[in-house]
Protein backbone atom coordinates (compact mmCIF):
# COMPACT_ATOMS: atom_id res chain seq x y z
CA MET A 1 110.23 -42.69 -138.52
CA ILE A 2 111.11 -44.53 -135.32
CA VAL A 3 107.99 -45.59 -133.37
CA HIS A 4 107.17 -47.99 -130.57
CA ARG A 5 104.18 -50.23 -130.00
CA PHE A 6 103.11 -52.21 -126.97
CA MET A 7 101.50 -55.41 -128.20
CA SER A 8 100.16 -58.76 -127.11
CA GLU A 9 102.21 -61.89 -127.52
CA ASP A 10 99.84 -63.09 -130.27
CA GLU A 11 100.34 -59.88 -132.26
CA PHE A 12 104.09 -60.04 -131.80
CA LEU A 13 104.31 -63.66 -132.97
CA SER A 14 102.08 -62.92 -135.98
CA LEU A 15 104.25 -59.96 -136.97
CA ARG A 16 107.44 -62.01 -136.60
CA LYS A 17 105.93 -64.73 -138.83
CA GLY A 18 105.46 -62.13 -141.57
CA GLU A 19 101.68 -61.91 -141.38
CA THR A 20 99.85 -58.74 -142.34
CA LEU A 21 98.07 -57.45 -139.25
CA ARG A 22 94.72 -55.71 -139.75
CA ASN A 23 92.67 -53.64 -137.31
CA LYS A 24 89.95 -51.10 -138.11
CA SER A 25 88.89 -50.49 -134.50
CA LYS A 26 87.78 -46.98 -133.66
CA HIS A 27 88.53 -47.63 -129.96
CA GLU A 28 85.00 -46.78 -128.88
CA GLY A 29 84.91 -45.78 -125.24
CA TYR A 30 88.47 -44.46 -125.30
CA LEU A 31 89.29 -40.80 -125.88
CA THR A 32 91.39 -41.05 -129.02
CA THR A 33 91.09 -40.16 -132.68
CA SER A 34 93.25 -43.16 -133.63
CA VAL A 35 91.84 -45.92 -135.82
CA GLY A 36 93.46 -49.35 -135.84
CA PHE A 37 96.93 -49.90 -134.46
CA CYS A 38 98.48 -47.16 -132.31
CA PHE A 39 102.17 -46.25 -132.17
CA PHE A 40 104.04 -43.73 -130.01
CA VAL A 41 107.38 -41.92 -130.19
CA GLU A 42 108.04 -41.23 -126.50
CA PRO A 43 110.50 -43.45 -124.61
CA PRO A 44 108.67 -46.66 -123.62
CA ASP A 45 109.76 -46.28 -119.97
CA GLU A 46 107.67 -43.07 -119.90
CA ALA A 47 104.81 -44.17 -122.14
CA ILE A 48 104.03 -47.30 -120.13
CA HIS A 49 102.73 -45.07 -117.33
CA TRP A 50 99.86 -43.68 -119.40
CA LEU A 51 99.35 -46.59 -121.81
CA SER A 52 99.44 -49.56 -119.43
CA GLY A 53 95.69 -49.43 -118.81
CA CYS A 54 94.74 -49.47 -122.48
CA CYS A 55 97.17 -51.88 -124.14
CA ASP A 56 98.58 -55.36 -123.69
CA PRO A 57 102.32 -54.79 -123.25
CA ASP A 58 103.54 -58.37 -123.50
CA TYR A 59 106.13 -56.92 -125.88
CA CYS A 60 107.33 -53.44 -126.69
CA VAL A 61 108.56 -53.31 -130.26
CA THR A 62 110.64 -50.48 -131.67
CA MET A 63 110.22 -50.13 -135.42
CA ASP A 64 111.27 -47.99 -138.31
CA ILE A 65 108.37 -47.17 -140.63
CA ASP A 66 107.93 -44.69 -143.46
CA ARG A 67 105.89 -41.78 -142.09
CA ALA A 68 103.59 -42.04 -145.15
CA HIS A 69 102.10 -45.26 -143.69
CA LEU A 70 100.96 -43.54 -140.49
CA LYS A 71 98.24 -41.03 -139.64
CA SER A 72 98.60 -38.55 -136.80
CA ALA A 73 96.01 -38.73 -134.04
CA ILE A 74 95.39 -37.37 -130.56
CA GLY A 75 94.85 -39.50 -127.49
CA HIS A 76 93.53 -38.18 -124.18
CA TYR A 77 95.16 -40.08 -121.33
CA ARG A 78 95.49 -40.19 -117.58
CA ASN A 79 98.50 -38.17 -116.52
CA PRO A 80 100.65 -40.23 -114.12
CA MET A 81 101.30 -36.98 -112.22
CA GLY A 82 97.56 -36.33 -111.86
CA GLY A 83 94.84 -35.06 -114.16
CA LYS A 84 94.62 -35.65 -117.89
CA MET A 85 96.89 -34.98 -120.86
CA ASP A 86 96.75 -35.11 -124.65
CA LYS A 87 99.36 -37.05 -126.60
CA VAL A 88 100.13 -37.15 -130.29
CA GLU A 89 100.03 -40.74 -131.48
CA TYR A 90 100.24 -42.43 -134.84
CA CYS A 91 98.01 -45.09 -136.28
CA CYS A 92 97.35 -47.35 -139.24
CA THR A 93 94.81 -50.05 -140.05
CA SER A 94 97.32 -52.64 -141.29
CA TYR A 95 101.04 -53.31 -141.14
CA SER A 96 103.57 -56.06 -141.71
CA LEU A 97 107.27 -56.65 -142.10
CA ASP A 98 106.80 -55.34 -145.65
CA ILE A 99 106.47 -51.79 -144.27
CA VAL A 100 108.15 -51.95 -140.84
CA ASN A 101 111.65 -52.84 -139.86
CA ILE A 102 111.89 -54.20 -136.30
CA LEU A 103 114.83 -52.51 -134.62
CA SER A 104 114.43 -54.06 -131.18
CA TYR A 105 111.90 -55.62 -128.83
CA THR A 106 111.58 -56.44 -125.16
CA ASP A 107 109.18 -58.21 -122.83
CA LYS A 108 110.24 -56.18 -119.79
CA TYR A 109 106.79 -54.54 -119.58
CA ARG A 110 104.94 -57.88 -119.49
CA ILE A 111 104.05 -57.44 -115.81
CA TYR A 112 101.70 -54.62 -116.87
CA SER A 113 99.81 -57.17 -119.00
CA GLU A 114 99.24 -59.22 -115.87
CA TYR A 115 97.84 -56.14 -114.10
CA ARG A 116 95.53 -55.51 -117.07
CA ARG A 117 94.26 -59.11 -117.04
CA ILE A 118 93.42 -58.75 -113.35
CA LEU A 119 91.63 -55.43 -113.96
CA ARG A 120 89.66 -57.04 -116.84
CA LYS A 121 88.66 -59.93 -114.58
CA PHE A 122 87.03 -57.46 -112.20
CA GLY A 123 85.45 -55.43 -115.02
CA LEU A 124 87.60 -52.36 -114.39
CA VAL A 125 88.99 -52.15 -117.96
CA ARG A 126 87.94 -53.58 -121.32
């Protein structure tokens, strides 16, 4: 299954080094049923508009992963066109290069990380 993930530079470097990444967060305070790491299937140029406030998009990584490693979840997000919307997302509590194949990556969304850091500074996001 081809999925994408916006991630911090630290996460990206750890993944590239071959480390196993672990996360059991239940994302308290966010309207999602995901646990751990979240992945999406929509084109990143679209997804950045509803995910930019709740992720650190230093890198966007496109990966191939066996569907058996992922759980389906539902996230409730701000609709860039106004209102709210539900999105199917996929999650897992750990992953590494043993189960994902990196197909491509880009840092073209990094500017959204800067916006998020500014919003955090003023207490507007976590």
